[in-house]
N, C-alpha and C. Protein backbone atom coordinates (compact mmCIF):
# COMPACT_ATOMS: atom_id res chain seq x y z
N MET A 1 93.58 66.36 126.01
CA MET A 1 93.17 66.50 124.40
C MET A 1 91.52 65.54 124.18
N SER A 2 90.72 66.39 123.98
CA SER A 2 89.52 65.87 123.71
C SER A 2 89.82 64.37 122.72
N ARG A 3 88.27 63.49 122.71
CA ARG A 3 88.34 62.51 122.78
C ARG A 3 87.85 62.65 120.81
N GLN A 4 87.39 63.88 120.13
CA GLN A 4 87.04 63.54 119.38
C GLN A 4 89.01 64.40 118.27
N VAL A 5 89.39 65.58 118.88
CA VAL A 5 90.59 65.52 118.14
C VAL A 5 91.41 64.05 118.43
N GLU A 6 91.81 63.57 119.32
CA GLU A 6 92.35 61.85 119.44
C GLU A 6 91.87 61.20 117.87
N ARG A 7 90.59 61.01 118.16
CA ARG A 7 89.60 60.35 117.22
C ARG A 7 90.48 60.86 115.42
N THR A 8 90.41 62.42 115.16
CA THR A 8 90.99 62.93 113.95
C THR A 8 92.23 62.56 113.93
N ILE A 9 93.32 62.66 114.79
CA ILE A 9 94.53 62.51 114.76
C ILE A 9 95.13 60.95 114.49
N VAL A 10 94.10 59.88 114.76
CA VAL A 10 94.26 58.62 114.50
C VAL A 10 93.74 58.39 113.16
N SER A 11 92.61 58.83 112.81
CA SER A 11 92.28 58.88 111.61
C SER A 11 93.07 59.14 110.47
N LEU A 12 93.65 60.18 111.00
CA LEU A 12 94.38 60.90 109.76
C LEU A 12 96.07 60.35 109.88
N VAL A 13 96.32 59.52 110.60
CA VAL A 13 97.83 58.62 110.86
C VAL A 13 97.48 57.81 109.90
N PHE A 14 96.39 56.62 110.22
CA PHE A 14 95.89 55.53 109.06
C PHE A 14 95.34 55.94 108.03
N LEU A 15 95.00 56.88 107.73
CA LEU A 15 95.02 57.49 106.36
C LEU A 15 96.52 57.69 105.50
N GLY A 16 96.94 58.92 106.26
CA GLY A 16 98.24 58.52 106.04
C GLY A 16 99.25 57.25 105.71
N ILE A 17 99.35 56.42 106.74
CA ILE A 17 100.14 55.19 106.15
C ILE A 17 99.31 54.30 104.91
N ALA A 18 97.68 54.64 105.43
CA ALA A 18 97.50 53.83 103.95
C ALA A 18 97.97 54.23 102.72
N LEU A 19 97.67 55.66 102.70
CA LEU A 19 98.42 56.21 101.44
C LEU A 19 99.43 56.08 101.22
N LEU A 20 100.44 55.99 102.31
CA LEU A 20 101.46 55.61 101.95
C LEU A 20 101.79 54.29 101.21
N VAL A 21 101.47 53.11 101.76
CA VAL A 21 100.93 51.69 101.58
C VAL A 21 100.66 51.96 99.81
N VAL A 22 99.77 52.51 99.53
CA VAL A 22 99.37 52.65 98.31
C VAL A 22 100.14 53.66 97.15
N GLY A 23 100.75 54.47 97.83
CA GLY A 23 101.30 55.17 97.10
C GLY A 23 102.92 54.34 96.71
N ILE A 24 103.23 53.42 97.37
CA ILE A 24 104.60 52.93 97.06
C ILE A 24 104.05 51.63 96.35
N GLY A 25 102.99 50.79 96.59
CA GLY A 25 102.09 50.30 94.99
C GLY A 25 101.93 51.33 93.98
N VAL A 26 101.67 51.94 93.89
CA VAL A 26 101.61 52.60 92.64
C VAL A 26 103.22 53.05 92.19
N GLY A 27 104.05 53.65 92.85
CA GLY A 27 104.62 53.63 92.03
C GLY A 27 105.99 52.61 91.73
N VAL A 28 105.90 51.24 92.51
CA VAL A 28 106.13 50.05 91.93
C VAL A 28 105.65 49.76 90.65
N HIS A 29 104.16 49.68 90.42
CA HIS A 29 103.54 49.08 89.58
C HIS A 29 104.14 50.20 88.02
N ALA A 30 104.52 51.54 88.27
CA ALA A 30 104.19 52.26 87.21
C ALA A 30 105.77 51.76 86.41
N TYR A 31 106.94 51.63 87.82
CA TYR A 31 108.15 50.94 87.51
C TYR A 31 108.02 49.91 86.46
N LEU A 32 107.32 48.95 86.92
CA LEU A 32 107.30 47.65 86.27
C LEU A 32 107.08 47.90 84.94
N GLN A 33 105.70 48.47 84.87
CA GLN A 33 105.41 48.92 83.20
C GLN A 33 106.55 49.56 82.63
N ILE A 34 107.51 50.54 82.61
CA ILE A 34 108.48 51.06 82.24
C ILE A 34 109.63 50.48 81.91
N LEU A 35 109.46 49.21 82.96
CA LEU A 35 111.03 48.94 83.11
C LEU A 35 111.84 48.50 81.31
N PRO A 36 111.03 48.01 80.51
CA PRO A 36 111.39 47.47 79.10
C PRO A 36 111.88 48.39 78.65
N VAL A 37 110.98 49.62 78.58
CA VAL A 37 111.63 50.90 77.93
C VAL A 37 112.41 51.55 78.81
N LYS A 38 113.13 51.59 79.80
CA LYS A 38 114.16 51.98 80.42
C LYS A 38 115.24 51.03 79.77
N GLY A 39 114.96 49.58 79.99
CA GLY A 39 116.14 49.07 79.74
C GLY A 39 116.81 49.40 78.37
N TRP A 40 116.37 49.25 77.38
CA TRP A 40 116.37 49.03 76.06
C TRP A 40 116.98 50.36 75.93
N TYR A 41 116.24 51.51 76.08
CA TYR A 41 117.35 52.86 76.20
C TYR A 41 118.47 52.64 76.92
N GLU A 42 118.69 52.05 78.02
CA GLU A 42 120.20 51.99 78.24
C GLU A 42 121.06 51.11 77.89
N GLN A 43 120.29 50.18 77.31
CA GLN A 43 121.22 48.97 76.31
C GLN A 43 121.96 49.71 74.91
N ALA A 44 120.71 50.79 74.38
CA ALA A 44 121.09 51.31 73.05
C ALA A 44 122.41 52.80 73.56
N TYR A 45 122.13 52.98 74.49
CA TYR A 45 123.50 53.83 75.22
C TYR A 45 124.59 53.49 75.62
N SER A 46 124.44 52.27 75.98
CA SER A 46 126.06 51.57 76.09
C SER A 46 126.05 50.68 74.42
N ALA A 47 125.56 50.95 73.97
CA ALA A 47 125.50 49.98 73.15
C ALA A 47 127.59 50.00 72.15
N ALA A 48 128.09 49.26 72.27
CA ALA A 48 129.13 49.05 71.68
C ALA A 48 129.57 49.68 70.25
N ASP A 49 128.56 49.32 69.28
CA ASP A 49 128.59 49.60 68.04
C ASP A 49 127.12 50.13 67.30
N ALA A 50 127.43 50.31 66.07
CA ALA A 50 126.27 51.33 65.38
C ALA A 50 125.01 50.20 64.79
N GLU A 51 125.26 48.82 65.01
CA GLU A 51 124.56 47.66 64.38
C GLU A 51 123.69 47.56 66.04
N GLN A 52 124.35 47.79 67.01
CA GLN A 52 124.06 47.25 68.10
C GLN A 52 122.85 48.77 68.07
N MET A 53 123.32 49.12 68.41
CA MET A 53 122.81 50.80 69.28
C MET A 53 121.43 50.92 68.00
N ALA A 54 121.39 50.71 66.48
CA ALA A 54 120.18 50.89 65.66
C ALA A 54 119.51 49.15 65.95
N LEU A 55 119.89 48.24 66.32
CA LEU A 55 118.72 47.68 66.99
C LEU A 55 118.15 47.93 68.00
N TRP A 56 118.87 48.33 69.61
CA TRP A 56 118.33 48.18 70.19
C TRP A 56 117.86 49.72 70.08
N LEU A 57 117.82 50.57 69.34
CA LEU A 57 116.69 52.09 69.47
C LEU A 57 115.74 51.46 68.95
N ASP A 58 115.58 50.68 68.02
CA ASP A 58 114.33 49.73 67.45
C ASP A 58 113.33 49.11 68.24
N ASN A 59 114.14 48.50 69.42
CA ASN A 59 113.45 47.41 70.41
C ASN A 59 112.68 48.73 71.15
N LEU A 60 113.44 50.25 71.55
CA LEU A 60 113.10 51.03 71.98
C LEU A 60 111.71 51.38 71.68
N LEU A 61 111.85 52.29 70.45
CA LEU A 61 110.86 52.72 70.11
C LEU A 61 109.51 51.71 70.01
N ALA A 62 109.51 50.30 69.66
CA ALA A 62 108.56 49.50 69.50
C ALA A 62 107.95 49.32 70.98
N GLU A 63 108.53 49.32 71.90
CA GLU A 63 108.66 49.43 73.55
C GLU A 63 107.28 50.46 74.08
N MET A 64 107.90 51.80 73.29
CA MET A 64 107.35 53.01 73.41
C MET A 64 106.14 53.01 72.89
N GLU A 65 106.10 52.41 71.41
CA GLU A 65 104.37 52.21 70.94
C GLU A 65 103.45 51.55 71.40
N ARG A 66 104.07 50.29 72.35
CA ARG A 66 103.27 49.47 72.44
C ARG A 66 102.62 50.17 74.06
N LEU A 67 103.60 50.63 74.90
CA LEU A 67 102.65 51.84 75.69
C LEU A 67 102.02 52.91 75.54
N GLY A 68 102.52 53.16 74.16
CA GLY A 68 101.96 54.91 74.03
C GLY A 68 102.31 55.66 73.96
N MET A 69 103.69 55.53 74.71
CA MET A 69 104.71 56.88 74.74
C MET A 69 105.49 57.40 73.87
N THR A 70 104.19 57.66 72.89
CA THR A 70 104.09 58.30 71.44
C THR A 70 103.65 59.72 71.39
N GLN A 71 102.85 60.34 72.89
CA GLN A 71 102.34 61.12 72.99
C GLN A 71 102.19 61.79 74.52
N GLY A 72 102.02 62.37 74.98
CA GLY A 72 101.98 63.29 76.39
C GLY A 72 103.99 63.81 76.96
N HIS A 73 103.08 64.11 77.98
CA HIS A 73 104.57 64.99 78.49
C HIS A 73 104.79 64.03 80.12
N TYR A 74 106.17 64.63 80.41
CA TYR A 74 106.62 64.21 81.80
C TYR A 74 106.54 64.83 83.16
N ALA A 75 105.42 65.98 82.40
CA ALA A 75 104.50 66.97 83.37
C ALA A 75 103.77 66.59 83.54
N LEU A 76 103.14 67.34 84.73
CA LEU A 76 101.17 67.49 85.14
C LEU A 76 101.42 69.05 84.79
N ILE A 77 101.94 69.56 84.97
CA ILE A 77 101.55 71.12 85.12
C ILE A 77 102.80 72.20 83.82
N PHE A 78 103.57 72.02 84.05
CA PHE A 78 104.79 72.84 83.20
C PHE A 78 105.17 72.10 82.13
N LYS A 79 103.87 71.89 81.32
CA LYS A 79 104.36 71.09 79.82
C LYS A 79 105.02 71.75 79.05
N ASN A 80 106.14 71.21 78.31
CA ASN A 80 106.73 72.21 77.48
C ASN A 80 107.34 71.34 76.40
N PRO A 81 107.88 71.79 75.63
CA PRO A 81 108.58 71.26 74.20
C PRO A 81 109.52 69.77 75.26
N HIS A 82 110.62 70.65 75.97
CA HIS A 82 111.11 70.03 76.83
C HIS A 82 111.12 68.67 77.54
N ASN A 83 110.02 68.47 77.74
CA ASN A 83 109.27 67.07 78.71
C ASN A 83 107.66 66.42 77.56
N ASP A 84 108.33 67.18 76.64
CA ASP A 84 107.07 66.43 75.51
C ASP A 84 107.45 65.14 74.81
N VAL A 85 107.12 63.76 75.45
CA VAL A 85 107.41 62.67 74.79
C VAL A 85 107.73 62.19 73.56
N SER A 86 106.59 63.04 72.62
CA SER A 86 106.10 62.68 71.62
C SER A 86 107.87 63.16 70.60
N LEU A 87 107.94 64.20 71.15
CA LEU A 87 109.67 64.65 70.70
C LEU A 87 110.94 63.97 70.59
N ASP A 88 111.10 63.36 72.41
CA ASP A 88 111.64 62.59 72.44
C ASP A 88 111.73 61.47 71.25
N TYR A 89 110.49 60.79 70.98
CA TYR A 89 109.90 59.38 70.51
C TYR A 89 110.93 59.66 69.00
N GLU A 90 110.34 61.33 68.60
CA GLU A 90 111.17 61.36 66.98
C GLU A 90 112.60 61.77 67.24
N VAL A 91 112.57 62.07 67.99
CA VAL A 91 114.94 62.10 68.43
C VAL A 91 115.11 60.46 68.25
N PHE A 92 114.49 60.12 68.77
CA PHE A 92 115.17 57.97 68.75
C PHE A 92 114.92 57.32 67.56
N LYS A 93 113.80 57.73 66.36
CA LYS A 93 113.84 57.79 65.39
C LYS A 93 114.91 57.88 64.58
N SER A 94 115.59 59.38 64.77
CA SER A 94 116.38 60.01 63.81
C SER A 94 117.75 59.16 64.19
N LEU A 95 118.08 59.28 65.70
CA LEU A 95 118.76 59.04 65.75
C LEU A 95 119.22 57.20 65.53
N LYS A 96 118.22 56.24 65.63
CA LYS A 96 118.41 55.33 64.25
C LYS A 96 118.52 55.36 63.39
N GLU A 97 117.80 56.39 62.58
CA GLU A 97 118.50 56.41 61.14
C GLU A 97 120.10 57.09 60.81
N ARG A 98 120.39 57.72 62.05
CA ARG A 98 121.85 58.02 61.88
C ARG A 98 122.58 57.00 62.46
N CYS A 99 122.34 55.87 63.29
CA CYS A 99 123.28 54.86 63.38
C CYS A 99 123.17 53.92 62.13
N LEU A 100 121.87 53.86 61.42
CA LEU A 100 121.99 53.01 60.13
C LEU A 100 123.21 54.14 59.04
N GLU A 101 123.29 55.09 59.03
CA GLU A 101 124.44 56.00 58.39
C GLU A 101 125.38 55.46 59.07
N VAL A 102 125.97 55.53 60.18
CA VAL A 102 127.04 55.52 60.94
C VAL A 102 127.34 54.01 60.43
N GLN A 103 126.63 53.04 60.48
CA GLN A 103 127.24 51.79 59.81
C GLN A 103 128.41 51.98 58.77
N LYS A 104 127.99 52.72 57.80
CA LYS A 104 128.76 52.94 56.83
C LYS A 104 130.54 53.44 57.13
N TYR A 105 131.06 54.10 57.90
CA TYR A 105 131.68 54.10 58.43
C TYR A 105 133.15 53.36 58.56
N PRO A 106 134.27 52.84 58.38
CA PRO A 106 134.80 51.68 58.73
C PRO A 106 135.02 51.61 60.14
N LYS A 107 134.41 50.37 61.21
CA LYS A 107 134.55 50.38 62.72
C LYS A 107 135.64 50.75 63.30
N GLY A 108 136.68 51.02 62.95
CA GLY A 108 137.90 51.62 64.03
C GLY A 108 138.04 52.91 63.73
N SER A 109 137.50 53.50 62.87
CA SER A 109 137.69 55.29 62.34
C SER A 109 137.38 56.26 63.32
N MET A 110 137.96 57.14 63.94
CA MET A 110 137.36 58.41 64.66
C MET A 110 136.54 58.84 63.75
N ASP A 111 135.79 58.88 62.86
CA ASP A 111 134.78 58.95 62.41
C ASP A 111 133.13 58.37 63.00
N TYR A 112 133.43 56.98 63.12
CA TYR A 112 132.81 56.20 63.83
C TYR A 112 132.65 56.19 65.46
N ALA A 113 133.63 56.44 65.55
CA ALA A 113 133.98 56.60 67.36
C ALA A 113 133.44 57.52 68.02
N GLU A 114 133.45 59.18 67.17
CA GLU A 114 132.57 60.17 67.25
C GLU A 114 131.63 60.00 66.86
N SER A 115 131.01 59.47 66.01
CA SER A 115 129.57 59.30 65.68
C SER A 115 128.48 58.46 66.48
N LEU A 116 129.03 57.80 66.88
CA LEU A 116 128.40 56.69 68.21
C LEU A 116 128.16 57.55 69.35
N GLU A 117 129.11 58.43 69.43
CA GLU A 117 129.90 59.25 70.69
C GLU A 117 128.65 60.68 70.82
N ASP A 118 128.39 60.90 69.32
CA ASP A 118 127.35 62.16 69.52
C ASP A 118 125.79 61.47 69.54
N ILE A 119 125.86 60.49 69.08
CA ILE A 119 124.65 60.13 69.65
C ILE A 119 124.03 59.99 70.39
N ARG A 120 125.22 59.07 71.78
CA ARG A 120 124.84 59.50 72.94
C ARG A 120 125.33 60.40 73.50
N ARG A 121 125.25 61.74 73.10
CA ARG A 121 125.32 63.08 73.60
C ARG A 121 124.13 63.72 73.39
N GLN A 122 123.37 63.23 71.91
CA GLN A 122 122.08 63.24 71.60
C GLN A 122 120.97 62.65 72.94
N MET A 123 121.11 61.39 72.99
CA MET A 123 120.38 60.65 74.16
C MET A 123 120.46 61.47 75.23
N ASP A 124 121.86 61.76 75.89
CA ASP A 124 121.23 62.90 76.91
C ASP A 124 120.68 63.98 76.90
N LYS A 125 120.73 64.65 75.91
CA LYS A 125 119.93 65.82 75.92
C LYS A 125 118.64 65.67 75.93
N THR A 126 117.78 64.82 75.71
CA THR A 126 116.42 64.18 75.71
C THR A 126 116.13 64.30 77.94
N ASP A 127 114.72 64.88 78.03
CA ASP A 127 114.66 64.39 79.15
C ASP A 127 114.06 63.19 79.06
N PHE A 128 114.40 62.26 78.69
CA PHE A 128 113.84 60.94 78.72
C PHE A 128 113.58 60.33 80.13
N ASN A 129 112.40 60.18 80.69
CA ASN A 129 112.26 59.84 82.00
C ASN A 129 110.74 59.07 81.78
N PRO A 130 110.28 56.99 81.41
CA PRO A 130 109.41 57.13 81.65
C PRO A 130 108.47 56.48 82.43
N TRP A 131 109.24 56.85 83.60
CA TRP A 131 107.94 56.63 84.88
C TRP A 131 107.53 57.75 85.16
N TRP A 132 108.42 59.08 84.90
CA TRP A 132 107.39 60.22 84.97
C TRP A 132 106.15 60.51 84.31
N TRP A 133 106.58 59.82 82.98
CA TRP A 133 105.65 59.85 81.46
C TRP A 133 104.82 58.91 82.11
N TYR A 134 104.96 57.68 82.59
CA TYR A 134 103.66 56.68 83.17
C TYR A 134 103.14 57.33 83.83
N MET A 135 103.43 57.87 85.32
CA MET A 135 102.67 58.33 86.09
C MET A 135 101.84 59.54 86.11
N CYS A 136 102.59 60.35 84.80
CA CYS A 136 101.32 61.87 84.48
C CYS A 136 100.43 61.50 83.63
N ASN A 137 100.36 59.86 82.47
CA ASN A 137 99.63 59.76 81.74
C ASN A 137 98.78 58.92 81.92
N CYS A 138 99.51 57.74 82.49
CA CYS A 138 98.61 56.23 82.48
C CYS A 138 98.01 56.06 83.79
N PHE A 139 98.44 56.75 84.52
CA PHE A 139 98.13 55.84 86.11
C PHE A 139 97.12 57.09 86.51
N GLY A 140 96.33 57.97 85.84
CA GLY A 140 95.66 58.80 86.96
C GLY A 140 95.78 60.40 86.68
N GLY A 141 96.81 60.96 86.83
CA GLY A 141 97.80 61.91 86.42
C GLY A 141 97.97 62.42 87.90
N ILE A 142 96.86 63.26 88.09
CA ILE A 142 97.53 64.06 89.19
C ILE A 142 96.50 63.35 90.20
N TYR A 143 95.83 61.91 90.51
CA TYR A 143 95.21 61.48 91.27
C TYR A 143 96.57 60.28 91.80
N ALA A 144 96.96 59.65 90.38
CA ALA A 144 97.90 59.15 91.26
C ALA A 144 99.16 59.97 91.81
N TRP A 145 99.47 61.27 91.38
CA TRP A 145 100.56 62.17 92.34
C TRP A 145 99.88 61.91 93.75
N ILE A 146 98.59 62.08 93.92
CA ILE A 146 97.90 62.51 95.43
C ILE A 146 98.20 61.19 95.71
N LEU A 147 97.73 60.19 95.48
CA LEU A 147 98.08 58.71 96.05
C LEU A 147 99.41 58.51 96.25
N ALA A 148 100.62 58.94 95.36
CA ALA A 148 101.94 58.34 95.96
C ALA A 148 102.98 59.25 96.46
N PHE A 149 101.93 60.68 96.97
CA PHE A 149 103.07 61.52 97.26
C PHE A 149 102.46 62.18 98.44
N TRP A 150 101.35 62.13 98.88
CA TRP A 150 100.62 63.27 99.82
C TRP A 150 100.25 62.33 101.33
N TRP A 151 100.47 61.15 101.29
CA TRP A 151 100.56 60.96 102.63
C TRP A 151 101.54 61.41 103.36
N TRP A 152 103.24 61.94 103.11
CA TRP A 152 103.66 62.88 103.98
C TRP A 152 103.05 64.30 104.76
N PHE A 153 101.81 64.48 103.70
CA PHE A 153 101.58 65.81 104.07
C PHE A 153 100.18 65.94 105.23
N ILE A 154 99.64 64.64 104.79
CA ILE A 154 98.71 63.83 106.29
C ILE A 154 99.13 63.85 107.44
N LEU A 155 99.95 63.25 107.20
CA LEU A 155 100.87 62.84 108.43
C LEU A 155 101.67 63.80 109.23
N VAL A 156 101.95 64.59 108.28
CA VAL A 156 102.66 65.93 109.35
C VAL A 156 101.40 67.05 109.76
N VAL A 157 100.08 66.86 109.02
CA VAL A 157 99.11 67.43 109.55
C VAL A 157 98.50 66.80 110.75
N ALA A 158 98.23 65.56 110.51
CA ALA A 158 98.69 64.84 112.21
C ALA A 158 99.32 64.96 113.36
N GLY A 159 100.94 64.99 112.82
CA GLY A 159 101.51 65.70 113.93
C GLY A 159 101.66 66.94 114.29
N VAL A 160 101.31 67.82 113.87
CA VAL A 160 100.95 69.41 113.65
C VAL A 160 99.79 69.38 115.32
N LEU A 161 98.77 68.16 114.96
CA LEU A 161 97.26 68.75 115.65
C LEU A 161 98.02 68.02 117.25
N TYR A 162 98.46 66.75 116.84
CA TYR A 162 99.00 66.03 118.40
C TYR A 162 99.82 67.22 119.07
N CYS A 163 100.67 67.53 118.20
CA CYS A 163 101.27 68.62 119.11
C CYS A 163 100.84 69.77 119.97
N LEU A 164 99.67 70.35 118.66
CA LEU A 164 99.04 71.46 119.69
C LEU A 164 97.88 71.13 120.47
N TYR A 165 97.67 69.95 120.43
CA TYR A 165 96.21 69.40 121.70
C TYR A 165 96.91 68.39 122.70
N GLU A 166 97.94 68.58 122.49
CA GLU A 166 98.74 67.37 123.62
C GLU A 166 98.57 68.47 125.12
């Protein structure tokens, strides 16, 4: 193996490891940023009654507004209504209003329980993923994805070069 090929392989390995470290940092940073949003979503989903659910949906909406999660997509390339966060935001606003209506039912009634379960099913139907949204819209878009995930490609190229020239 020539000295130049050795240097190239070592450089690629170091670049791959550096991108791995930076990618982990980017992913953790994004997760920490969206943690309140994710937490309020899970709290609203698991709420025991309509009052709690409405309150926690309100907190979820406030956190989404704070982060700017009222526009954008959970995708870099294939953007469509299914991964549009503005539509999810509108759904959560409607579900909050629905919770306020459900509060009028007697708490022990079948209508009350079925309405809460229906709200949970509607929350399930959203493609709500704050981490993907943050990575696609806040942290550099495609550049964040290159930093976060292309380290493996560089290490594979280094491995192939090593195997070819060994």
